[in-house]
Amino acid sequence: MIDHVVIGVGDVATSRAFYERALAPLGVGIVLDLPGYVGFGDQGMPWFFVAAREPTQRVHIAFSAADRPTVDAFHRAALEAGAVDNGAPGPRPIYHQHYYGAFVFDPDGNNIEAVCHLPG
């Protein structure tokens, strides 16, 4: 089980703004905001952090989505927040029959995904 993830970012303010918008459709928001360190989570618990340190690159992070429309909303919000598309929302049957995901590159080039594992 993973308790939390911390990624280094080149500009905390840029990443804060990006993730705040991109993760909102997933019900994930800012829980902790300190100089050089922002924690996102839900139910008052931060579990995903961006920190002012050497940018983490080529990381793939997948966030769970409650349903397929939420995956679509994540993708739209991420693109509106400045992400680069890395795979439009859609089925990915290569992983399993109900896999539905969307992929974007964040401001530091990390591959960020929202995924739903439930049938359509």
PDB file of N, CA and C in Angstrom:
ATOM      1  N   MET A   1       0.837  -1.165   0.000  1.00  0.00           N
ATOM      2  CA  MET A   1       0.000   0.000   0.000  1.00  0.00           C
ATOM      3  C   MET A   1       0.891   1.240   0.000  1.00  0.00           C
ATOM      4  N   ILE A   2       0.494   2.244  -0.753  1.00  0.00           N
ATOM      5  CA  ILE A   2       1.236   3.498  -0.798  1.00  0.00           C
ATOM      6  C   ILE A   2       0.504   4.524   0.058  1.00  0.00           C
ATOM      7  N   ASP A   3       1.250   5.188   0.938  1.00  0.00           N
ATOM      8  CA  ASP A   3       0.675   6.207   1.802  1.00  0.00           C
ATOM      9  C   ASP A   3       0.673   7.574   1.134  1.00  0.00           C
ATOM     10  N   HIS A   4       1.787   7.917   0.480  1.00  0.00           N
ATOM     11  CA  HIS A   4       1.854   9.194  -0.222  1.00  0.00           C
ATOM     12  C   HIS A   4       2.984   9.187  -1.243  1.00  0.00           C
ATOM     13  N   VAL A   5       2.904  10.146  -2.173  1.00  0.00           N
ATOM     14  CA  VAL A   5       3.901  10.300  -3.230  1.00  0.00           C
ATOM     15  C   VAL A   5       4.325  11.764  -3.250  1.00  0.00           C
ATOM     16  N   VAL A   6       5.630  11.990  -3.394  1.00  0.00           N
ATOM     17  CA  VAL A   6       6.162  13.344  -3.521  1.00  0.00           C
ATOM     18  C   VAL A   6       6.930  13.417  -4.834  1.00  0.00           C
ATOM     19  N   ILE A   7       6.603  14.429  -5.656  1.00  0.00           N
ATOM     20  CA  ILE A   7       7.382  14.631  -6.872  1.00  0.00           C
ATOM     21  C   ILE A   7       8.031  16.009  -6.810  1.00  0.00           C
ATOM     22  N   GLY A   8       9.246  16.085  -7.313  1.00  0.00           N
ATOM     23  CA  GLY A   8       9.929  17.360  -7.419  1.00  0.00           C
ATOM     24  C   GLY A   8       9.426  18.097  -8.641  1.00  0.00           C
ATOM     25  N   VAL A   9       9.272  19.411  -8.525  1.00  0.00           N
ATOM     26  CA  VAL A   9       8.784  20.232  -9.633  1.00  0.00           C
ATOM     27  C   VAL A   9       9.684  21.446  -9.821  1.00  0.00           C
ATOM     28  N   GLY A  10       9.744  21.924 -11.054  1.00  0.00           N
ATOM     29  CA  GLY A  10      10.581  23.068 -11.376  1.00  0.00           C
ATOM     30  C   GLY A  10      10.039  24.375 -10.842  1.00  0.00           C
ATOM     31  N   ASP A  11       8.714  24.483 -10.722  1.00  0.00           N
ATOM     32  CA  ASP A  11       8.084  25.708 -10.239  1.00  0.00           C
ATOM     33  C   ASP A  11       6.842  25.312  -9.451  1.00  0.00           C
ATOM     34  N   VAL A  12       6.903  25.458  -8.140  1.00  0.00           N
ATOM     35  CA  VAL A  12       5.798  25.018  -7.285  1.00  0.00           C
ATOM     36  C   VAL A  12       4.501  25.751  -7.616  1.00  0.00           C
ATOM     37  N   ALA A  13       4.572  27.044  -7.873  1.00  0.00           N
ATOM     38  CA  ALA A  13       3.353  27.801  -8.168  1.00  0.00           C
ATOM     39  C   ALA A  13       2.679  27.299  -9.444  1.00  0.00           C
ATOM     40  N   THR A  14       3.472  27.024 -10.471  1.00  0.00           N
ATOM     41  CA  THR A  14       2.921  26.507 -11.731  1.00  0.00           C
ATOM     42  C   THR A  14       2.299  25.134 -11.513  1.00  0.00           C
ATOM     43  N   SER A  15       3.004  24.263 -10.813  1.00  0.00           N
ATOM     44  CA  SER A  15       2.482  22.911 -10.559  1.00  0.00           C
ATOM     45  C   SER A  15       1.276  22.947  -9.636  1.00  0.00           C
ATOM     46  N   ARG A  16       1.304  23.824  -8.649  1.00  0.00           N
ATOM     47  CA  ARG A  16       0.162  23.971  -7.746  1.00  0.00           C
ATOM     48  C   ARG A  16      -1.083  24.329  -8.554  1.00  0.00           C
ATOM     49  N   ALA A  17      -0.960  25.334  -9.420  1.00  0.00           N
ATOM     50  CA  ALA A  17      -2.101  25.765 -10.232  1.00  0.00           C
ATOM     51  C   ALA A  17      -2.565  24.655 -11.173  1.00  0.00           C
ATOM     52  N   PHE A  18      -1.613  23.964 -11.786  1.00  0.00           N
ATOM     53  CA  PHE A  18      -1.957  22.877 -12.705  1.00  0.00           C
ATOM     54  C   PHE A  18      -2.716  21.765 -11.977  1.00  0.00           C
ATOM     55  N   TYR A  19      -2.144  21.244 -10.905  1.00  0.00           N
ATOM     56  CA  TYR A  19      -2.779  20.118 -10.210  1.00  0.00           C
ATOM     57  C   TYR A  19      -4.080  20.528  -9.518  1.00  0.00           C
ATOM     58  N   GLU A  20      -4.154  21.761  -9.055  1.00  0.00           N
ATOM     59  CA  GLU A  20      -5.397  22.210  -8.434  1.00  0.00           C
ATOM     60  C   GLU A  20      -6.554  22.113  -9.432  1.00  0.00           C
ATOM     61  N   ARG A  21      -6.317  22.524 -10.662  1.00  0.00           N
ATOM     62  CA  ARG A  21      -7.361  22.453 -11.695  1.00  0.00           C
ATOM     63  C   ARG A  21      -7.562  21.039 -12.218  1.00  0.00           C
ATOM     64  N   ALA A  22      -6.471  20.339 -12.501  1.00  0.00           N
ATOM     65  CA  ALA A  22      -6.562  19.013 -13.115  1.00  0.00           C
ATOM     66  C   ALA A  22      -7.179  17.973 -12.184  1.00  0.00           C
ATOM     67  N   LEU A  23      -6.908  18.083 -10.888  1.00  0.00           N
ATOM     68  CA  LEU A  23      -7.397  17.068  -9.954  1.00  0.00           C
ATOM     69  C   LEU A  23      -8.766  17.391  -9.362  1.00  0.00           C
ATOM     70  N   ALA A  24      -9.249  18.611  -9.552  1.00  0.00           N
ATOM     71  CA  ALA A  24     -10.555  18.988  -9.002  1.00  0.00           C
ATOM     72  C   ALA A  24     -11.684  18.053  -9.436  1.00  0.00           C
ATOM     73  N   PRO A  25     -11.753  17.658 -10.723  1.00  0.00           N
ATOM     74  CA  PRO A  25     -12.833  16.735 -11.107  1.00  0.00           C
ATOM     75  C   PRO A  25     -12.778  15.384 -10.389  1.00  0.00           C
ATOM     76  N   LEU A  26     -11.599  15.037  -9.861  1.00  0.00           N
ATOM     77  CA  LEU A  26     -11.445  13.765  -9.154  1.00  0.00           C
ATOM     78  C   LEU A  26     -11.758  13.899  -7.661  1.00  0.00           C
ATOM     79  N   GLY A  27     -12.121  15.104  -7.230  1.00  0.00           N
ATOM     80  CA  GLY A  27     -12.406  15.324  -5.817  1.00  0.00           C
ATOM     81  C   GLY A  27     -11.156  15.486  -4.980  1.00  0.00           C
ATOM     82  N   VAL A  28     -10.039  15.793  -5.633  1.00  0.00           N
ATOM     83  CA  VAL A  28      -8.758  15.959  -4.945  1.00  0.00           C
ATOM     84  C   VAL A  28      -8.420  17.438  -4.920  1.00  0.00           C
ATOM     85  N   GLY A  29      -8.071  17.955  -3.744  1.00  0.00           N
ATOM     86  CA  GLY A  29      -7.749  19.366  -3.617  1.00  0.00           C
ATOM     87  C   GLY A  29      -6.556  19.586  -2.715  1.00  0.00           C
ATOM     88  N   ILE A  30      -6.225  20.838  -2.525  1.00  0.00           N
ATOM     89  CA  ILE A  30      -5.093  21.192  -1.662  1.00  0.00           C
ATOM     90  C   ILE A  30      -5.492  20.982  -0.211  1.00  0.00           C
ATOM     91  N   VAL A  31      -4.668  20.244   0.509  1.00  0.00           N
ATOM     92  CA  VAL A  31      -4.895  19.962   1.915  1.00  0.00           C
ATOM     93  C   VAL A  31      -3.814  20.616   2.765  1.00  0.00           C
ATOM     94  N   LEU A  32      -2.634  20.786   2.197  1.00  0.00           N
ATOM     95  CA  LEU A  32      -1.499  21.361   2.914  1.00  0.00           C
ATOM     96  C   LEU A  32      -0.757  22.283   1.955  1.00  0.00           C
ATOM     97  N   ASP A  33      -0.519  23.520   2.374  1.00  0.00           N
ATOM     98  CA  ASP A  33       0.148  24.493   1.512  1.00  0.00           C
ATOM     99  C   ASP A  33       1.235  25.193   2.324  1.00  0.00           C
ATOM    100  N   LEU A  34       2.467  24.774   2.121  1.00  0.00           N
ATOM    101  CA  LEU A  34       3.616  25.336   2.816  1.00  0.00           C
ATOM    102  C   LEU A  34       4.572  25.930   1.791  1.00  0.00           C
ATOM    103  N   PRO A  35       5.445  26.818   2.196  1.00  0.00           N
ATOM    104  CA  PRO A  35       6.410  27.351   1.235  1.00  0.00           C
ATOM    105  C   PRO A  35       7.214  26.220   0.574  1.00  0.00           C
ATOM    106  N   GLY A  36       7.140  26.146  -0.737  1.00  0.00           N
ATOM    107  CA  GLY A  36       7.904  25.149  -1.483  1.00  0.00           C
ATOM    108  C   GLY A  36       7.367  23.730  -1.425  1.00  0.00           C
ATOM    109  N   TYR A  37       6.140  23.561  -0.927  1.00  0.00           N
ATOM    110  CA  TYR A  37       5.619  22.215  -0.687  1.00  0.00           C
ATOM    111  C   TYR A  37       4.097  22.277  -0.638  1.00  0.00           C
ATOM    112  N   VAL A  38       3.408  21.588  -1.549  1.00  0.00           N
ATOM    113  CA  VAL A  38       1.948  21.597  -1.565  1.00  0.00           C
ATOM    114  C   VAL A  38       1.442  20.158  -1.550  1.00  0.00           C
ATOM    115  N   GLY A  39       0.532  19.872  -0.625  1.00  0.00           N
ATOM    116  CA  GLY A  39      -0.030  18.534  -0.498  1.00  0.00           C
ATOM    117  C   GLY A  39      -1.472  18.498  -0.960  1.00  0.00           C
ATOM    118  N   PHE A  40      -1.766  17.582  -1.860  1.00  0.00           N
ATOM    119  CA  PHE A  40      -3.119  17.378  -2.374  1.00  0.00           C
ATOM    120  C   PHE A  40      -3.679  16.093  -1.780  1.00  0.00           C
ATOM    121  N   GLY A  41      -4.972  16.055  -1.601  1.00  0.00           N
ATOM    122  CA  GLY A  41      -5.594  14.847  -1.082  1.00  0.00           C
ATOM    123  C   GLY A  41      -7.092  15.023  -0.986  1.00  0.00           C
ATOM    124  N   ASP A  42      -7.676  14.225  -0.110  1.00  0.00           N
ATOM    125  CA  ASP A  42      -9.104  14.307   0.135  1.00  0.00           C
ATOM    126  C   ASP A  42      -9.359  13.931   1.583  1.00  0.00           C
ATOM    127  N   GLN A  43     -10.529  14.253   2.064  1.00  0.00           N
ATOM    128  CA  GLN A  43     -10.924  13.963   3.435  1.00  0.00           C
ATOM    129  C   GLN A  43      -9.890  14.466   4.445  1.00  0.00           C
ATOM    130  N   GLY A  44      -9.273  15.620   4.129  1.00  0.00           N
ATOM    131  CA  GLY A  44      -8.324  16.238   5.048  1.00  0.00           C
ATOM    132  C   GLY A  44      -6.943  15.616   5.095  1.00  0.00           C
ATOM    133  N   MET A  45      -6.702  14.599   4.279  1.00  0.00           N
ATOM    134  CA  MET A  45      -5.416  13.897   4.300  1.00  0.00           C
ATOM    135  C   MET A  45      -4.652  14.109   2.993  1.00  0.00           C
ATOM    136  N   PRO A  46      -3.465  14.720   3.057  1.00  0.00           N
ATOM    137  CA  PRO A  46      -2.670  14.853   1.844  1.00  0.00           C
ATOM    138  C   PRO A  46      -1.962  13.544   1.519  1.00  0.00           C
ATOM    139  N   TRP A  47      -1.930  13.182   0.233  1.00  0.00           N
ATOM    140  CA  TRP A  47      -1.244  11.953  -0.170  1.00  0.00           C
ATOM    141  C   TRP A  47      -0.486  12.113  -1.480  1.00  0.00           C
ATOM    142  N   PHE A  48      -0.604  13.279  -2.108  1.00  0.00           N
ATOM    143  CA  PHE A  48       0.165  13.578  -3.313  1.00  0.00           C
ATOM    144  C   PHE A  48       0.757  14.972  -3.140  1.00  0.00           C
ATOM    145  N   PHE A  49       2.090  15.051  -3.206  1.00  0.00           N
ATOM    146  CA  PHE A  49       2.778  16.308  -2.943  1.00  0.00           C
ATOM    147  C   PHE A  49       3.621  16.749  -4.129  1.00  0.00           C
ATOM    148  N   VAL A  50       3.672  18.058  -4.343  1.00  0.00           N
ATOM    149  CA  VAL A  50       4.643  18.657  -5.249  1.00  0.00           C
ATOM    150  C   VAL A  50       5.587  19.472  -4.377  1.00  0.00           C
ATOM    151  N   ALA A  51       6.875  19.372  -4.652  1.00  0.00           N
ATOM    152  CA  ALA A  51       7.873  20.011  -3.803  1.00  0.00           C
ATOM    153  C   ALA A  51       8.941  20.698  -4.641  1.00  0.00           C
ATOM    154  N   ALA A  52       9.453  21.802  -4.115  1.00  0.00           N
ATOM    155  CA  ALA A  52      10.527  22.544  -4.779  1.00  0.00           C
ATOM    156  C   ALA A  52      11.831  21.762  -4.606  1.00  0.00           C
ATOM    157  N   ARG A  53      12.134  20.977  -5.595  1.00  0.00           N
ATOM    158  CA  ARG A  53      13.376  20.211  -5.638  1.00  0.00           C
ATOM    159  C   ARG A  53      13.626  19.832  -7.087  1.00  0.00           C
ATOM    160  N   GLU A  54      14.684  19.154  -7.350  1.00  0.00           N
ATOM    161  CA  GLU A  54      14.980  18.740  -8.721  1.00  0.00           C
ATOM    162  C   GLU A  54      13.730  18.081  -9.312  1.00  0.00           C
ATOM    163  N   PRO A  55      13.266  18.576 -10.466  1.00  0.00           N
ATOM    164  CA  PRO A  55      12.035  18.010 -11.029  1.00  0.00           C
ATOM    165  C   PRO A  55      12.139  16.502 -11.299  1.00  0.00           C
ATOM    166  N   THR A  56      11.112  15.815 -10.830  1.00  0.00           N
ATOM    167  CA  THR A  56      10.973  14.394 -11.115  1.00  0.00           C
ATOM    168  C   THR A  56      10.510  14.281 -12.560  1.00  0.00           C
ATOM    169  N   GLN A  57      11.115  13.384 -13.311  1.00  0.00           N
ATOM    170  CA  GLN A  57      10.718  13.239 -14.708  1.00  0.00           C
ATOM    171  C   GLN A  57      10.481  11.779 -15.050  1.00  0.00           C
ATOM    172  N   ARG A  58       9.640  11.624 -16.046  1.00  0.00           N
ATOM    173  CA  ARG A  58       9.296  10.313 -16.575  1.00  0.00           C
ATOM    174  C   ARG A  58       8.602   9.423 -15.541  1.00  0.00           C
ATOM    175  N   VAL A  59       7.895  10.069 -14.641  1.00  0.00           N
ATOM    176  CA  VAL A  59       7.084   9.340 -13.676  1.00  0.00           C
ATOM    177  C   VAL A  59       5.688   9.193 -14.260  1.00  0.00           C
ATOM    178  N   HIS A  60       5.073   8.059 -14.034  1.00  0.00           N
ATOM    179  CA  HIS A  60       3.684   7.840 -14.444  1.00  0.00           C
ATOM    180  C   HIS A  60       2.870   7.686 -13.171  1.00  0.00           C
ATOM    181  N   ILE A  61       1.942   8.602 -12.984  1.00  0.00           N
ATOM    182  CA  ILE A  61       1.064   8.559 -11.817  1.00  0.00           C
ATOM    183  C   ILE A  61      -0.360   8.465 -12.319  1.00  0.00           C
ATOM    184  N   ALA A  62      -1.101   7.463 -11.835  1.00  0.00           N
ATOM    185  CA  ALA A  62      -2.496   7.277 -12.228  1.00  0.00           C
ATOM    186  C   ALA A  62      -3.394   7.545 -11.025  1.00  0.00           C
ATOM    187  N   PHE A  63      -4.336   8.443 -11.206  1.00  0.00           N
ATOM    188  CA  PHE A  63      -5.313   8.771 -10.184  1.00  0.00           C
ATOM    189  C   PHE A  63      -6.615   8.041 -10.501  1.00  0.00           C
ATOM    190  N   SER A  64      -7.238   7.463  -9.478  1.00  0.00           N
ATOM    191  CA  SER A  64      -8.508   6.754  -9.652  1.00  0.00           C
ATOM    192  C   SER A  64      -9.642   7.734  -9.883  1.00  0.00           C
ATOM    193  N   ALA A  65     -10.513   7.381 -10.796  1.00  0.00           N
ATOM    194  CA  ALA A  65     -11.716   8.169 -11.064  1.00  0.00           C
ATOM    195  C   ALA A  65     -12.939   7.310 -10.776  1.00  0.00           C
ATOM    196  N   ALA A  66     -13.991   7.942 -10.289  1.00  0.00           N
ATOM    197  CA  ALA A  66     -15.205   7.217  -9.913  1.00  0.00           C
ATOM    198  C   ALA A  66     -15.939   6.635 -11.111  1.00  0.00           C
ATOM    199  N   ASP A  67     -15.821   7.320 -12.261  1.00  0.00           N
ATOM    200  CA  ASP A  67     -16.545   6.862 -13.444  1.00  0.00           C
ATOM    201  C   ASP A  67     -15.895   7.459 -14.691  1.00  0.00           C
ATOM    202  N   ARG A  68     -16.384   7.064 -15.844  1.00  0.00           N
ATOM    203  CA  ARG A  68     -15.807   7.519 -17.105  1.00  0.00           C
ATOM    204  C   ARG A  68     -15.992   9.018 -17.353  1.00  0.00           C
ATOM    205  N   PRO A  69     -17.156   9.601 -17.041  1.00  0.00           N
ATOM    206  CA  PRO A  69     -17.268  11.051 -17.209  1.00  0.00           C
ATOM    207  C   PRO A  69     -16.248  11.831 -16.366  1.00  0.00           C
ATOM    208  N   THR A  70     -15.869  11.286 -15.222  1.00  0.00           N
ATOM    209  CA  THR A  70     -14.864  11.950 -14.394  1.00  0.00           C
ATOM    210  C   THR A  70     -13.493  11.890 -15.055  1.00  0.00           C
ATOM    211  N   VAL A  71     -13.188  10.783 -15.722  1.00  0.00           N
ATOM    212  CA  VAL A  71     -11.943  10.697 -16.498  1.00  0.00           C
ATOM    213  C   VAL A  71     -11.954  11.771 -17.588  1.00  0.00           C
ATOM    214  N   ASP A  72     -13.070  11.901 -18.283  1.00  0.00           N
ATOM    215  CA  ASP A  72     -13.209  12.916 -19.329  1.00  0.00           C
ATOM    216  C   ASP A  72     -13.010  14.318 -18.749  1.00  0.00           C
ATOM    217  N   ALA A  73     -13.617  14.577 -17.588  1.00  0.00           N
ATOM    218  CA  ALA A  73     -13.513  15.893 -16.952  1.00  0.00           C
ATOM    219  C   ALA A  73     -12.078  16.183 -16.524  1.00  0.00           C
ATOM    220  N   PHE A  74     -11.385  15.181 -15.998  1.00  0.00           N
ATOM    221  CA  PHE A  74      -9.964  15.341 -15.654  1.00  0.00           C
ATOM    222  C   PHE A  74      -9.168  15.765 -16.877  1.00  0.00           C
ATOM    223  N   HIS A  75      -9.360  15.059 -17.983  1.00  0.00           N
ATOM    224  CA  HIS A  75      -8.604  15.338 -19.202  1.00  0.00           C
ATOM    225  C   HIS A  75      -8.856  16.778 -19.677  1.00  0.00           C
ATOM    226  N   ARG A  76     -10.121  17.185 -19.708  1.00  0.00           N
ATOM    227  CA  ARG A  76     -10.466  18.559 -20.109  1.00  0.00           C
ATOM    228  C   ARG A  76      -9.816  19.576 -19.177  1.00  0.00           C
ATOM    229  N   ALA A  77      -9.956  19.359 -17.863  1.00  0.00           N
ATOM    230  CA  ALA A  77      -9.405  20.301 -16.883  1.00  0.00           C
ATOM    231  C   ALA A  77      -7.887  20.384 -16.990  1.00  0.00           C
ATOM    232  N   ALA A  78      -7.241  19.247 -17.188  1.00  0.00           N
ATOM    233  CA  ALA A  78      -5.781  19.235 -17.301  1.00  0.00           C
ATOM    234  C   ALA A  78      -5.326  20.001 -18.536  1.00  0.00           C
ATOM    235  N   LEU A  79      -5.999  19.785 -19.660  1.00  0.00           N
ATOM    236  CA  LEU A  79      -5.632  20.516 -20.878  1.00  0.00           C
ATOM    237  C   LEU A  79      -5.866  22.011 -20.703  1.00  0.00           C
ATOM    238  N   GLU A  80      -6.978  22.377 -20.074  1.00  0.00           N
ATOM    239  CA  GLU A  80      -7.264  23.793 -19.829  1.00  0.00           C
ATOM    240  C   GLU A  80      -6.229  24.411 -18.892  1.00  0.00           C
ATOM    241  N   ALA A  81      -5.627  23.579 -18.029  1.00  0.00           N
ATOM    242  CA  ALA A  81      -4.607  24.059 -17.087  1.00  0.00           C
ATOM    243  C   ALA A  81      -3.213  24.072 -17.712  1.00  0.00           C
ATOM    244  N   GLY A  82      -3.114  23.700 -18.989  1.00  0.00           N
ATOM    245  CA  GLY A  82      -1.835  23.785 -19.681  1.00  0.00           C
ATOM    246  C   GLY A  82      -1.132  22.474 -19.950  1.00  0.00           C
ATOM    247  N   ALA A  83      -1.772  21.357 -19.660  1.00  0.00           N
ATOM    248  CA  ALA A  83      -1.155  20.059 -19.924  1.00  0.00           C
ATOM    249  C   ALA A  83      -1.020  19.809 -21.420  1.00  0.00           C
ATOM    250  N   VAL A  84      -0.136  18.886 -21.745  1.00  0.00           N
ATOM    251  CA  VAL A  84       0.016  18.408 -23.118  1.00  0.00           C
ATOM    252  C   VAL A  84      -0.660  17.041 -23.188  1.00  0.00           C
ATOM    253  N   ASP A  85      -1.527  16.864 -24.162  1.00  0.00           N
ATOM    254  CA  ASP A  85      -2.246  15.600 -24.320  1.00  0.00           C
ATOM    255  C   ASP A  85      -1.273  14.455 -24.569  1.00  0.00           C
ATOM    256  N   ASN A  86      -1.521  13.346 -23.877  1.00  0.00           N
ATOM    257  CA  ASN A  86      -0.721  12.134 -24.088  1.00  0.00           C
ATOM    258  C   ASN A  86      -1.633  10.921 -24.274  1.00  0.00           C
ATOM    259  N   GLY A  87      -2.891  11.158 -24.576  1.00  0.00           N
ATOM    260  CA  GLY A  87      -3.834  10.069 -24.802  1.00  0.00           C
ATOM    261  C   GLY A  87      -5.222  10.476 -24.380  1.00  0.00           C
ATOM    262  N   ALA A  88      -6.083  10.729 -25.335  1.00  0.00           N
ATOM    263  CA  ALA A  88      -7.447  11.163 -25.059  1.00  0.00           C
ATOM    264  C   ALA A  88      -8.203  10.102 -24.262  1.00  0.00           C
ATOM    265  N   PRO A  89      -9.244  10.518 -23.555  1.00  0.00           N
ATOM    266  CA  PRO A  89     -10.044   9.559 -22.804  1.00  0.00           C
ATOM    267  C   PRO A  89     -10.576   8.457 -23.717  1.00  0.00           C
ATOM    268  N   GLY A  90     -10.498   7.244 -23.228  1.00  0.00           N
ATOM    269  CA  GLY A  90     -11.037   6.133 -23.993  1.00  0.00           C
ATOM    270  C   GLY A  90     -10.686   4.800 -23.388  1.00  0.00           C
ATOM    271  N   PRO A  91     -11.280   3.742 -23.927  1.00  0.00           N
ATOM    272  CA  PRO A  91     -10.988   2.399 -23.443  1.00  0.00           C
ATOM    273  C   PRO A  91      -9.555   2.009 -23.785  1.00  0.00           C
ATOM    274  N   ARG A  92      -8.971   1.231 -22.918  1.00  0.00           N
ATOM    275  CA  ARG A  92      -7.635   0.677 -23.137  1.00  0.00           C
ATOM    276  C   ARG A  92      -7.724  -0.835 -22.874  1.00  0.00           C
ATOM    277  N   PRO A  93      -8.385  -1.578 -23.777  1.00  0.00           N
ATOM    278  CA  PRO A  93      -8.622  -3.009 -23.536  1.00  0.00           C
ATOM    279  C   PRO A  93      -7.342  -3.831 -23.467  1.00  0.00           C
ATOM    280  N   ILE A  94      -6.231  -3.267 -23.891  1.00  0.00           N
ATOM    281  CA  ILE A  94      -4.965  -3.988 -23.760  1.00  0.00           C
ATOM    282  C   ILE A  94      -4.649  -4.270 -22.288  1.00  0.00           C
ATOM    283  N   TYR A  95      -5.141  -3.393 -21.377  1.00  0.00           N
ATOM    284  CA  TYR A  95      -4.891  -3.574 -19.940  1.00  0.00           C
ATOM    285  C   TYR A  95      -5.926  -4.504 -19.320  1.00  0.00           C
ATOM    286  N   HIS A  96      -7.203  -4.240 -19.581  1.00  0.00           N
ATOM    287  CA  HIS A  96      -8.299  -5.153 -19.243  1.00  0.00           C
ATOM    288  C   HIS A  96      -9.570  -4.607 -19.872  1.00  0.00           C
ATOM    289  N   GLN A  97     -10.613  -5.399 -19.903  1.00  0.00           N
ATOM    290  CA  GLN A  97     -11.799  -5.068 -20.692  1.00  0.00           C
ATOM    291  C   GLN A  97     -12.525  -3.791 -20.259  1.00  0.00           C
ATOM    292  N   HIS A  98     -12.393  -3.370 -19.010  1.00  0.00           N
ATOM    293  CA  HIS A  98     -13.117  -2.190 -18.543  1.00  0.00           C
ATOM    294  C   HIS A  98     -12.207  -0.978 -18.316  1.00  0.00           C
ATOM    295  N   TYR A  99     -10.930  -1.098 -18.635  1.00  0.00           N
ATOM    296  CA  TYR A  99      -9.979  -0.003 -18.394  1.00  0.00           C
ATOM    297  C   TYR A  99     -10.335   1.191 -19.268  1.00  0.00           C
ATOM    298  N   TYR A 100     -10.531   2.345 -18.637  1.00  0.00           N
ATOM    299  CA  TYR A 100     -10.856   3.579 -19.341  1.00  0.00           C
ATOM    300  C   TYR A 100      -9.967   4.666 -18.755  1.00  0.00           C
ATOM    301  N   GLY A 101      -9.086   5.225 -19.559  1.00  0.00           N
ATOM    302  CA  GLY A 101      -8.137   6.189 -19.034  1.00  0.00           C
ATOM    303  C   GLY A 101      -7.902   7.361 -19.957  1.00  0.00           C
ATOM    304  N   ALA A 102      -7.259   8.374 -19.406  1.00  0.00           N
ATOM    305  CA  ALA A 102      -6.828   9.552 -20.151  1.00  0.00           C
ATOM    306  C   ALA A 102      -5.466   9.958 -19.609  1.00  0.00           C
ATOM    307  N   PHE A 103      -4.598  10.423 -20.499  1.00  0.00           N
ATOM    308  CA  PHE A 103      -3.215  10.717 -20.146  1.00  0.00           C
ATOM    309  C   PHE A 103      -2.826  12.129 -20.575  1.00  0.00           C
ATOM    310  N   VAL A 104      -2.069  12.810 -19.715  1.00  0.00           N
ATOM    311  CA  VAL A 104      -1.512  14.126 -20.043  1.00  0.00           C
ATOM    312  C   VAL A 104      -0.089  14.205 -19.490  1.00  0.00           C
ATOM    313  N   PHE A 105       0.683  15.126 -20.059  1.00  0.00           N
ATOM    314  CA  PHE A 105       1.986  15.462 -19.496  1.00  0.00           C
ATOM    315  C   PHE A 105       1.819  16.715 -18.647  1.00  0.00           C
ATOM    316  N   ASP A 106       2.311  16.678 -17.403  1.00  0.00           N
ATOM    317  CA  ASP A 106       2.236  17.837 -16.514  1.00  0.00           C
ATOM    318  C   ASP A 106       3.307  18.863 -16.892  1.00  0.00           C
ATOM    319  N   PRO A 107       3.396  20.002 -16.189  1.00  0.00           N
ATOM    320  CA  PRO A 107       4.370  21.030 -16.561  1.00  0.00           C
ATOM    321  C   PRO A 107       5.831  20.567 -16.562  1.00  0.00           C
ATOM    322  N   ASP A 108       6.143  19.489 -15.837  1.00  0.00           N
ATOM    323  CA  ASP A 108       7.513  18.975 -15.812  1.00  0.00           C
ATOM    324  C   ASP A 108       7.698  17.754 -16.701  1.00  0.00           C
ATOM    325  N   GLY A 109       6.674  17.374 -17.467  1.00  0.00           N
ATOM    326  CA  GLY A 109       6.790  16.261 -18.400  1.00  0.00           C
ATOM    327  C   GLY A 109       6.427  14.898 -17.838  1.00  0.00           C
ATOM    328  N   ASN A 110       5.869  14.860 -16.626  1.00  0.00           N
ATOM    329  CA  ASN A 110       5.444  13.577 -16.070  1.00  0.00           C
ATOM    330  C   ASN A 110       4.132  13.137 -16.703  1.00  0.00           C
ATOM    331  N   ASN A 111       3.953  11.841 -16.851  1.00  0.00           N
ATOM    332  CA  ASN A 111       2.762  11.265 -17.455  1.00  0.00           C
ATOM    333  C   ASN A 111       1.704  11.065 -16.364  1.00  0.00           C
ATOM    334  N   ILE A 112       0.662  11.884 -16.406  1.00  0.00           N
ATOM    335  CA  ILE A 112      -0.375  11.854 -15.390  1.00  0.00           C
ATOM    336  C   ILE A 112      -1.655  11.301 -16.012  1.00  0.00           C
ATOM    337  N   GLU A 113      -2.276  10.379 -15.310  1.00  0.00           N
ATOM    338  CA  GLU A 113      -3.437   9.664 -15.833  1.00  0.00           C
ATOM    339  C   GLU A 113      -4.585   9.701 -14.849  1.00  0.00           C
ATOM    340  N   ALA A 114      -5.788   9.687 -15.378  1.00  0.00           N
ATOM    341  CA  ALA A 114      -6.978   9.370 -14.587  1.00  0.00           C
ATOM    342  C   ALA A 114      -7.551   8.106 -15.191  1.00  0.00           C
ATOM    343  N   VAL A 115      -7.951   7.169 -14.332  1.00  0.00           N
ATOM    344  CA  VAL A 115      -8.415   5.883 -14.810  1.00  0.00           C
ATOM    345  C   VAL A 115      -9.641   5.408 -14.027  1.00  0.00           C
ATOM    346  N   CYS A 116     -10.557   4.788 -14.753  1.00  0.00           N
ATOM    347  CA  CYS A 116     -11.715   4.128 -14.170  1.00  0.00           C
ATOM    348  C   CYS A 116     -11.676   2.670 -14.607  1.00  0.00           C
ATOM    349  N   HIS A 117     -11.912   1.775 -13.654  1.00  0.00           N
ATOM    350  CA  HIS A 117     -11.857   0.339 -13.942  1.00  0.00           C
ATOM    351  C   HIS A 117     -13.252  -0.303 -14.018  1.00  0.00           C
ATOM    352  N   LEU A 118     -14.282   0.523 -13.980  1.00  0.00           N
ATOM    353  CA  LEU A 118     -15.638  -0.002 -13.992  1.00  0.00           C
ATOM    354  C   LEU A 118     -16.187  -0.087 -15.415  1.00  0.00           C
ATOM    355  N   PRO A 119     -17.126  -0.978 -15.652  1.00  0.00           N
ATOM    356  CA  PRO A 119     -17.752  -1.032 -16.972  1.00  0.00           C
ATOM    357  C   PRO A 119     -18.475   0.261 -17.285  1.00  0.00           C
ATOM    358  N   GLY A 120     -18.558   0.592 -18.581  1.00  0.00           N
ATOM    359  CA  GLY A 120     -19.154   1.822 -19.080  1.00  0.00           C
ATOM    360  C   GLY A 120     -20.515   2.070 -18.566  1.00  0.00           C
TER     361      GLY A 120
END
